[in-house]
């Protein structure tokens, strides 16, 4: 069975990259037949096309429809560009799942904004990722490929800055999230984990605990965090998303060596 490289990126609206909505593919993007993205709407791996199938809007719940919009592209685009420069002939599969206002603090409820990535929540985003990953990996395995998860990128925690309780719990919740991903998400046991530190914005009132929680990840093997403190927008705009994706790739290079 041949190996095929897979990047997993997940989180809330800055992973989806709301700030690139209707921006179109950036200058310098060239169609790449060796980079694919899992389209949750068609349940197919498709050639990555920014602004067409790059949205990967998360399911509200198992069995509910996906938003078919493809207006946004995120950090996966600059990551894929750097990947192609470094590995001209290696295929890259991108699995992306993003839903706005989904933190990692466990929040009871059924509204979309209450569906969190906490691994102790039952039937919420964390569990749906397991289901979606199995759906995405199945056709690769059936086609004779072993999915080699090269990294897991988390772009989130903004929601956790909004309440004191969620922010205080964030350091422990991040450790639990990282451990649970390696234990329960398929084929992620050895994958590097890279988190984006939330912006130092006054609109995130309890950001100090959240930022400290993200920074502590550097103490764990195979983990890194990247900064956005020079960004000017809470929903990162296109130029910032490009910068962020390049920083994530550099962090990935560092952690894999």
Foldseek 3Di string as FASTA:
>chain_A
DAAAEEEEEEAALLQLQPQQFQVADDPPDDFDPQEWEQQPQVLDTDRDGQQQRARQEADLFPPGHGDRGRRGHFLVRLLVVVVCVVPVPGHYYYYYYYHHLAAQDQADDRDSNNAHCQPPDPRGDVVVLLVSLCSNCVVCVVVPYDYAHQAYEYEYHLNLLADPVSLQCQLVSVVNSVVCCLVRRPNCVPHAYEYEQQEPDVVSVNSPSNNVSNCCQVVDQRYYYHYQHPADDNSGHPVSRSVVSVVVSVVSVVRVD
